[in-house]
Amino acid sequence: MVDQGVGVTPDEQRHLGRKSFRSPRHQASVPGSGLGFWIASTFIRAHDGTVEIASRGQGLGTTASILLPVQHALDPELVTSDDE
């Protein structure tokens, strides 16, 4: 996902994924509890995935990449004819 928003500073990147983290520069202007990214990153980590955040700096947008491993079915009953 790529946006053209306010970007993420290096200091903010260090705190992303912490429960209820909200950047001080967003607290007055952006509503929310700071749980959205924490919930998403917790779910992704629970599935052995990672979230990568890249931003060229404040005011330059942000790119979020979600990486999840491929799981192969071991149970023959779970394999469909399309998988063979």
PDB file of N, CA and C in Angstrom:
ATOM      1  N   MET A   1       0.842  -1.161   0.000  1.00  0.00           N
ATOM      2  CA  MET A   1       0.000   0.000   0.000  1.00  0.00           C
ATOM      3  C   MET A   1       0.895   1.234   0.000  1.00  0.00           C
ATOM      4  N   VAL A   2       0.574   2.189  -0.804  1.00  0.00           N
ATOM      5  CA  VAL A   2       1.325   3.443  -0.878  1.00  0.00           C
ATOM      6  C   VAL A   2       0.338   4.587  -0.726  1.00  0.00           C
ATOM      7  N   ASP A   3       0.711   5.574   0.062  1.00  0.00           N
ATOM      8  CA  ASP A   3      -0.142   6.755   0.172  1.00  0.00           C
ATOM      9  C   ASP A   3       0.671   8.009  -0.107  1.00  0.00           C
ATOM     10  N   GLN A   4       0.001   9.101  -0.209  1.00  0.00           N
ATOM     11  CA  GLN A   4       0.644  10.401  -0.447  1.00  0.00           C
ATOM     12  C   GLN A   4       0.455  11.290   0.774  1.00  0.00           C
ATOM     13  N   GLY A   5       0.372  10.672   1.953  1.00  0.00           N
ATOM     14  CA  GLY A   5       0.085  11.389   3.187  1.00  0.00           C
ATOM     15  C   GLY A   5       1.278  12.108   3.778  1.00  0.00           C
ATOM     16  N   VAL A   6       1.214  12.265   5.089  1.00  0.00           N
ATOM     17  CA  VAL A   6       2.196  13.087   5.803  1.00  0.00           C
ATOM     18  C   VAL A   6       3.536  12.400   6.003  1.00  0.00           C
ATOM     19  N   GLY A   7       3.628  11.117   5.677  1.00  0.00           N
ATOM     20  CA  GLY A   7       4.887  10.407   5.834  1.00  0.00           C
ATOM     21  C   GLY A   7       5.131   9.986   7.268  1.00  0.00           C
ATOM     22  N   VAL A   8       6.194   9.224   7.459  1.00  0.00           N
ATOM     23  CA  VAL A   8       6.582   8.709   8.766  1.00  0.00           C
ATOM     24  C   VAL A   8       8.030   9.104   9.005  1.00  0.00           C
ATOM     25  N   THR A   9       8.273   9.733  10.134  1.00  0.00           N
ATOM     26  CA  THR A   9       9.649  10.122  10.479  1.00  0.00           C
ATOM     27  C   THR A   9      10.407   8.905  11.006  1.00  0.00           C
ATOM     28  N   PRO A  10      11.740   8.925  10.986  1.00  0.00           N
ATOM     29  CA  PRO A  10      12.514   7.815  11.545  1.00  0.00           C
ATOM     30  C   PRO A  10      12.155   7.532  13.009  1.00  0.00           C
ATOM     31  N   ASP A  11      11.898   8.574  13.802  1.00  0.00           N
ATOM     32  CA  ASP A  11      11.520   8.365  15.193  1.00  0.00           C
ATOM     33  C   ASP A  11      10.178   7.641  15.293  1.00  0.00           C
ATOM     34  N   GLU A  12       9.222   8.016  14.455  1.00  0.00           N
ATOM     35  CA  GLU A  12       7.918   7.349  14.461  1.00  0.00           C
ATOM     36  C   GLU A  12       8.045   5.886  14.042  1.00  0.00           C
ATOM     37  N   GLN A  13       8.918   5.593  13.081  1.00  0.00           N
ATOM     38  CA  GLN A  13       9.099   4.220  12.632  1.00  0.00           C
ATOM     39  C   GLN A  13       9.556   3.320  13.772  1.00  0.00           C
ATOM     40  N   ARG A  14      10.374   3.848  14.665  1.00  0.00           N
ATOM     41  CA  ARG A  14      10.850   3.049  15.803  1.00  0.00           C
ATOM     42  C   ARG A  14       9.716   2.677  16.753  1.00  0.00           C
ATOM     43  N   HIS A  15       8.644   3.449  16.772  1.00  0.00           N
ATOM     44  CA  HIS A  15       7.529   3.216  17.690  1.00  0.00           C
ATOM     45  C   HIS A  15       6.350   2.490  17.048  1.00  0.00           C
ATOM     46  N   LEU A  16       6.326   2.388  15.725  1.00  0.00           N
ATOM     47  CA  LEU A  16       5.208   1.723  15.056  1.00  0.00           C
ATOM     48  C   LEU A  16       5.079   0.284  15.543  1.00  0.00           C
ATOM     49  N   GLY A  17       3.874  -0.149  15.765  1.00  0.00           N
ATOM     50  CA  GLY A  17       3.621  -1.502  16.246  1.00  0.00           C
ATOM     51  C   GLY A  17       3.443  -1.573  17.745  1.00  0.00           C
ATOM     52  N   ARG A  18       3.730  -0.484  18.447  1.00  0.00           N
ATOM     53  CA  ARG A  18       3.475  -0.450  19.890  1.00  0.00           C
ATOM     54  C   ARG A  18       2.001  -0.158  20.119  1.00  0.00           C
ATOM     55  N   LYS A  19       1.431  -0.847  21.086  1.00  0.00           N
ATOM     56  CA  LYS A  19       0.012  -0.669  21.383  1.00  0.00           C
ATOM     57  C   LYS A  19      -0.273   0.780  21.758  1.00  0.00           C
ATOM     58  N   SER A  20      -1.262   1.366  21.129  1.00  0.00           N
ATOM     59  CA  SER A  20      -1.750   2.733  21.372  1.00  0.00           C
ATOM     60  C   SER A  20      -0.754   3.827  21.000  1.00  0.00           C
ATOM     61  N   PHE A  21       0.255   3.517  20.179  1.00  0.00           N
ATOM     62  CA  PHE A  21       1.176   4.579  19.748  1.00  0.00           C
ATOM     63  C   PHE A  21       0.486   5.485  18.747  1.00  0.00           C
ATOM     64  N   ARG A  22       0.543   6.775  19.018  1.00  0.00           N
ATOM     65  CA  ARG A  22       0.077   7.803  18.082  1.00  0.00           C
ATOM     66  C   ARG A  22       1.133   8.887  18.078  1.00  0.00           C
ATOM     67  N   SER A  23       1.555   9.260  16.923  1.00  0.00           N
ATOM     68  CA  SER A  23       2.544  10.319  16.798  1.00  0.00           C
ATOM     69  C   SER A  23       1.996  11.617  17.393  1.00  0.00           C
ATOM     70  N   PRO A  24       2.801  12.343  18.132  1.00  0.00           N
ATOM     71  CA  PRO A  24       2.339  13.624  18.684  1.00  0.00           C
ATOM     72  C   PRO A  24       1.814  14.576  17.609  1.00  0.00           C
ATOM     73  N   ARG A  25       2.371  14.530  16.408  1.00  0.00           N
ATOM     74  CA  ARG A  25       1.910  15.446  15.362  1.00  0.00           C
ATOM     75  C   ARG A  25       0.560  15.056  14.786  1.00  0.00           C
ATOM     76  N   HIS A  26       0.047  13.856  15.129  1.00  0.00           N
ATOM     77  CA  HIS A  26      -1.270  13.430  14.667  1.00  0.00           C
ATOM     78  C   HIS A  26      -2.332  13.489  15.755  1.00  0.00           C
ATOM     79  N   GLN A  27      -1.955  13.568  16.992  1.00  0.00           N
ATOM     80  CA  GLN A  27      -2.908  13.448  18.090  1.00  0.00           C
ATOM     81  C   GLN A  27      -4.011  14.498  18.057  1.00  0.00           C
ATOM     82  N   ALA A  28      -3.710  15.694  17.648  1.00  0.00           N
ATOM     83  CA  ALA A  28      -4.728  16.753  17.635  1.00  0.00           C
ATOM     84  C   ALA A  28      -5.560  16.766  16.354  1.00  0.00           C
ATOM     85  N   SER A  29      -5.015  16.221  15.258  1.00  0.00           N
ATOM     86  CA  SER A  29      -5.700  16.367  13.972  1.00  0.00           C
ATOM     87  C   SER A  29      -6.290  15.078  13.404  1.00  0.00           C
ATOM     88  N   VAL A  30      -5.843  13.925  13.871  1.00  0.00           N
ATOM     89  CA  VAL A  30      -6.318  12.654  13.328  1.00  0.00           C
ATOM     90  C   VAL A  30      -6.984  11.868  14.454  1.00  0.00           C
ATOM     91  N   PRO A  31      -8.269  11.546  14.296  1.00  0.00           N
ATOM     92  CA  PRO A  31      -8.950  10.795  15.357  1.00  0.00           C
ATOM     93  C   PRO A  31      -8.473   9.346  15.403  1.00  0.00           C
ATOM     94  N   GLY A  32      -8.623   8.725  16.543  1.00  0.00           N
ATOM     95  CA  GLY A  32      -8.293   7.311  16.677  1.00  0.00           C
ATOM     96  C   GLY A  32      -7.640   7.012  18.007  1.00  0.00           C
ATOM     97  N   SER A  33      -7.475   5.728  18.256  1.00  0.00           N
ATOM     98  CA  SER A  33      -6.911   5.283  19.526  1.00  0.00           C
ATOM     99  C   SER A  33      -5.486   4.789  19.394  1.00  0.00           C
ATOM    100  N   GLY A  34      -4.982   4.682  18.165  1.00  0.00           N
ATOM    101  CA  GLY A  34      -3.628   4.174  17.977  1.00  0.00           C
ATOM    102  C   GLY A  34      -3.561   2.654  17.995  1.00  0.00           C
ATOM    103  N   LEU A  35      -4.702   1.995  17.824  1.00  0.00           N
ATOM    104  CA  LEU A  35      -4.709   0.533  17.869  1.00  0.00           C
ATOM    105  C   LEU A  35      -4.679  -0.127  16.494  1.00  0.00           C
ATOM    106  N   GLY A  36      -5.029   0.580  15.435  1.00  0.00           N
ATOM    107  CA  GLY A  36      -5.148  -0.027  14.108  1.00  0.00           C
ATOM    108  C   GLY A  36      -3.888  -0.717  13.635  1.00  0.00           C
ATOM    109  N   PHE A  37      -2.761  -0.026  13.638  1.00  0.00           N
ATOM    110  CA  PHE A  37      -1.514  -0.626  13.172  1.00  0.00           C
ATOM    111  C   PHE A  37      -1.072  -1.732  14.119  1.00  0.00           C
ATOM    112  N   TRP A  38      -1.284  -1.541  15.420  1.00  0.00           N
ATOM    113  CA  TRP A  38      -0.908  -2.569  16.389  1.00  0.00           C
ATOM    114  C   TRP A  38      -1.695  -3.852  16.144  1.00  0.00           C
ATOM    115  N   ILE A  39      -3.009  -3.740  15.932  1.00  0.00           N
ATOM    116  CA  ILE A  39      -3.838  -4.923  15.676  1.00  0.00           C
ATOM    117  C   ILE A  39      -3.373  -5.619  14.397  1.00  0.00           C
ATOM    118  N   ALA A  40      -3.185  -4.855  13.331  1.00  0.00           N
ATOM    119  CA  ALA A  40      -2.761  -5.439  12.054  1.00  0.00           C
ATOM    120  C   ALA A  40      -1.399  -6.118  12.182  1.00  0.00           C
ATOM    121  N   SER A  41      -0.434  -5.451  12.800  1.00  0.00           N
ATOM    122  CA  SER A  41       0.904  -6.029  12.905  1.00  0.00           C
ATOM    123  C   SER A  41       0.922  -7.245  13.826  1.00  0.00           C
ATOM    124  N   THR A  42       0.084  -7.252  14.864  1.00  0.00           N
ATOM    125  CA  THR A  42      -0.015  -8.422  15.747  1.00  0.00           C
ATOM    126  C   THR A  42      -0.568  -9.615  14.980  1.00  0.00           C
ATOM    127  N   PHE A  43      -1.600  -9.400  14.185  1.00  0.00           N
ATOM    128  CA  PHE A  43      -2.189 -10.460  13.360  1.00  0.00           C
ATOM    129  C   PHE A  43      -1.161 -10.996  12.365  1.00  0.00           C
ATOM    130  N   ILE A  44      -0.442 -10.104  11.719  1.00  0.00           N
ATOM    131  CA  ILE A  44       0.551 -10.510  10.723  1.00  0.00           C
ATOM    132  C   ILE A  44       1.676 -11.309  11.370  1.00  0.00           C
ATOM    133  N   ARG A  45       2.186 -10.849  12.520  1.00  0.00           N
ATOM    134  CA  ARG A  45       3.255 -11.578  13.225  1.00  0.00           C
ATOM    135  C   ARG A  45       2.767 -12.948  13.701  1.00  0.00           C
ATOM    136  N   ALA A  46       1.487 -13.042  14.099  1.00  0.00           N
ATOM    137  CA  ALA A  46       0.930 -14.327  14.538  1.00  0.00           C
ATOM    138  C   ALA A  46       0.933 -15.355  13.411  1.00  0.00           C
ATOM    139  N   HIS A  47       0.990 -14.878  12.177  1.00  0.00           N
ATOM    140  CA  HIS A  47       1.031 -15.759  11.010  1.00  0.00           C
ATOM    141  C   HIS A  47       2.432 -15.787  10.396  1.00  0.00           C
ATOM    142  N   ASP A  48       3.439 -15.512  11.228  1.00  0.00           N
ATOM    143  CA  ASP A  48       4.858 -15.540  10.829  1.00  0.00           C
ATOM    144  C   ASP A  48       5.182 -14.559   9.711  1.00  0.00           C
ATOM    145  N   GLY A  49       4.447 -13.475   9.640  1.00  0.00           N
ATOM    146  CA  GLY A  49       4.705 -12.462   8.632  1.00  0.00           C
ATOM    147  C   GLY A  49       5.398 -11.249   9.214  1.00  0.00           C
ATOM    148  N   THR A  50       5.679 -10.308   8.360  1.00  0.00           N
ATOM    149  CA  THR A  50       6.304  -9.060   8.769  1.00  0.00           C
ATOM    150  C   THR A  50       5.631  -7.897   8.051  1.00  0.00           C
ATOM    151  N   VAL A  51       5.773  -6.721   8.649  1.00  0.00           N
ATOM    152  CA  VAL A  51       5.299  -5.491   8.036  1.00  0.00           C
ATOM    153  C   VAL A  51       6.510  -4.599   7.867  1.00  0.00           C
ATOM    154  N   GLU A  52       6.700  -4.092   6.666  1.00  0.00           N
ATOM    155  CA  GLU A  52       7.791  -3.159   6.398  1.00  0.00           C
ATOM    156  C   GLU A  52       7.192  -1.799   6.057  1.00  0.00           C
ATOM    157  N   ILE A  53       7.692  -0.761   6.716  1.00  0.00           N
ATOM    158  CA  ILE A  53       7.232   0.602   6.484  1.00  0.00           C
ATOM    159  C   ILE A  53       8.390   1.408   5.927  1.00  0.00           C
ATOM    160  N   ALA A  54       8.149   2.089   4.831  1.00  0.00           N
ATOM    161  CA  ALA A  54       9.176   2.934   4.231  1.00  0.00           C
ATOM    162  C   ALA A  54       8.585   4.307   3.941  1.00  0.00           C
ATOM    163  N   SER A  55       9.343   5.329   4.257  1.00  0.00           N
ATOM    164  CA  SER A  55       8.921   6.698   3.987  1.00  0.00           C
ATOM    165  C   SER A  55      10.165   7.528   3.724  1.00  0.00           C
ATOM    166  N   ARG A  56      10.071   8.379   2.719  1.00  0.00           N
ATOM    167  CA  ARG A  56      11.204   9.259   2.429  1.00  0.00           C
ATOM    168  C   ARG A  56      11.251  10.435   3.377  1.00  0.00           C
ATOM    169  N   GLY A  57      10.249  10.527   4.272  1.00  0.00           N
ATOM    170  CA  GLY A  57      10.274  11.586   5.265  1.00  0.00           C
ATOM    171  C   GLY A  57       8.935  12.267   5.426  1.00  0.00           C
ATOM    172  N   GLN A  58       8.911  13.197   6.339  1.00  0.00           N
ATOM    173  CA  GLN A  58       7.699  13.914   6.679  1.00  0.00           C
ATOM    174  C   GLN A  58       7.139  14.634   5.450  1.00  0.00           C
ATOM    175  N   GLY A  59       5.860  14.395   5.161  1.00  0.00           N
ATOM    176  CA  GLY A  59       5.189  15.028   4.029  1.00  0.00           C
ATOM    177  C   GLY A  59       5.383  14.332   2.702  1.00  0.00           C
ATOM    178  N   LEU A  60       6.065  13.179   2.694  1.00  0.00           N
ATOM    179  CA  LEU A  60       6.383  12.516   1.430  1.00  0.00           C
ATOM    180  C   LEU A  60       5.697  11.165   1.248  1.00  0.00           C
ATOM    181  N   GLY A  61       4.677  10.874   2.034  1.00  0.00           N
ATOM    182  CA  GLY A  61       3.946   9.621   1.881  1.00  0.00           C
ATOM    183  C   GLY A  61       4.646   8.448   2.546  1.00  0.00           C
ATOM    184  N   THR A  62       3.947   7.313   2.535  1.00  0.00           N
ATOM    185  CA  THR A  62       4.442   6.106   3.194  1.00  0.00           C
ATOM    186  C   THR A  62       4.088   4.891   2.351  1.00  0.00           C
ATOM    187  N   THR A  63       4.975   3.901   2.348  1.00  0.00           N
ATOM    188  CA  THR A  63       4.720   2.614   1.708  1.00  0.00           C
ATOM    189  C   THR A  63       4.712   1.550   2.788  1.00  0.00           C
ATOM    190  N   ALA A  64       3.637   0.768   2.855  1.00  0.00           N
ATOM    191  CA  ALA A  64       3.548  -0.350   3.797  1.00  0.00           C
ATOM    192  C   ALA A  64       3.525  -1.643   2.992  1.00  0.00           C
ATOM    193  N   SER A  65       4.411  -2.567   3.330  1.00  0.00           N
ATOM    194  CA  SER A  65       4.469  -3.873   2.669  1.00  0.00           C
ATOM    195  C   SER A  65       4.216  -4.957   3.700  1.00  0.00           C
ATOM    196  N   ILE A  66       3.301  -5.853   3.399  1.00  0.00           N
ATOM    197  CA  ILE A  66       2.988  -6.987   4.268  1.00  0.00           C
ATOM    198  C   ILE A  66       3.541  -8.230   3.604  1.00  0.00           C
ATOM    199  N   LEU A  67       4.375  -8.957   4.337  1.00  0.00           N
ATOM    200  CA  LEU A  67       4.990 -10.176   3.817  1.00  0.00           C
ATOM    201  C   LEU A  67       4.519 -11.356   4.654  1.00  0.00           C
ATOM    202  N   LEU A  68       3.885 -12.332   3.994  1.00  0.00           N
ATOM    203  CA  LEU A  68       3.392 -13.535   4.668  1.00  0.00           C
ATOM    204  C   LEU A  68       3.989 -14.757   3.990  1.00  0.00           C
ATOM    205  N   PRO A  69       4.417 -15.748   4.788  1.00  0.00           N
ATOM    206  CA  PRO A  69       4.986 -16.950   4.191  1.00  0.00           C
ATOM    207  C   PRO A  69       3.908 -17.800   3.522  1.00  0.00           C
ATOM    208  N   VAL A  70       4.303 -18.553   2.529  1.00  0.00           N
ATOM    209  CA  VAL A  70       3.392 -19.476   1.853  1.00  0.00           C
ATOM    210  C   VAL A  70       3.370 -20.769   2.655  1.00  0.00           C
ATOM    211  N   GLN A  71       2.182 -21.233   2.967  1.00  0.00           N
ATOM    212  CA  GLN A  71       2.029 -22.490   3.686  1.00  0.00           C
ATOM    213  C   GLN A  71       1.556 -23.555   2.700  1.00  0.00           C
ATOM    214  N   HIS A  72       2.246 -24.689   2.665  1.00  0.00           N
ATOM    215  CA  HIS A  72       1.842 -25.792   1.789  1.00  0.00           C
ATOM    216  C   HIS A  72       0.999 -26.773   2.596  1.00  0.00           C
ATOM    217  N   ALA A  73      -0.074 -27.253   1.999  1.00  0.00           N
ATOM    218  CA  ALA A  73      -0.955 -28.206   2.668  1.00  0.00           C
ATOM    219  C   ALA A  73      -0.242 -29.547   2.833  1.00  0.00           C
ATOM    220  N   LEU A  74      -0.253 -30.078   4.039  1.00  0.00           N
ATOM    221  CA  LEU A  74       0.345 -31.378   4.307  1.00  0.00           C
ATOM    222  C   LEU A  74      -0.714 -32.476   4.354  1.00  0.00           C
ATOM    223  N   ASP A  75      -1.943 -32.119   4.636  1.00  0.00           N
ATOM    224  CA  ASP A  75      -3.035 -33.069   4.731  1.00  0.00           C
ATOM    225  C   ASP A  75      -3.588 -33.300   3.327  1.00  0.00           C
ATOM    226  N   PRO A  76      -3.513 -34.546   2.810  1.00  0.00           N
ATOM    227  CA  PRO A  76      -4.010 -34.810   1.448  1.00  0.00           C
ATOM    228  C   PRO A  76      -5.477 -34.441   1.246  1.00  0.00           C
ATOM    229  N   GLU A  77      -6.270 -34.453   2.326  1.00  0.00           N
ATOM    230  CA  GLU A  77      -7.682 -34.088   2.201  1.00  0.00           C
ATOM    231  C   GLU A  77      -7.851 -32.594   1.927  1.00  0.00           C
ATOM    232  N   LEU A  78      -6.838 -31.792   2.253  1.00  0.00           N
ATOM    233  CA  LEU A  78      -6.906 -30.348   2.020  1.00  0.00           C
ATOM    234  C   LEU A  78      -6.477 -29.982   0.610  1.00  0.00           C
ATOM    235  N   VAL A  79      -5.858 -30.914  -0.103  1.00  0.00           N
ATOM    236  CA  VAL A  79      -5.379 -30.636  -1.458  1.00  0.00           C
ATOM    237  C   VAL A  79      -6.528 -30.859  -2.426  1.00  0.00           C
ATOM    238  N   THR A  80      -6.811 -29.844  -3.243  1.00  0.00           N
ATOM    239  CA  THR A  80      -7.872 -29.970  -4.248  1.00  0.00           C
ATOM    240  C   THR A  80      -7.254 -30.401  -5.558  1.00  0.00           C
ATOM    241  N   SER A  81      -8.071 -30.771  -6.507  1.00  0.00           N
ATOM    242  CA  SER A  81      -7.563 -31.188  -7.809  1.00  0.00           C
ATOM    243  C   SER A  81      -6.832 -30.047  -8.516  1.00  0.00           C
ATOM    244  N   ASP A  82      -7.161 -28.796  -8.177  1.00  0.00           N
ATOM    245  CA  ASP A  82      -6.476 -27.651  -8.775  1.00  0.00           C
ATOM    246  C   ASP A  82      -5.034 -27.543  -8.275  1.00  0.00           C
ATOM    247  N   ASP A  83      -4.761 -28.097  -7.076  1.00  0.00           N
ATOM    248  CA  ASP A  83      -3.430 -28.015  -6.487  1.00  0.00           C
ATOM    249  C   ASP A  83      -2.464 -29.052  -7.055  1.00  0.00           C
ATOM    250  N   GLU A  84      -2.978 -30.064  -7.716  1.00  0.00           N
ATOM    251  CA  GLU A  84      -2.136 -31.158  -8.199  1.00  0.00           C
ATOM    252  C   GLU A  84      -1.629 -30.891  -9.578  1.00  0.00           C
TER     253      GLU A  84
END
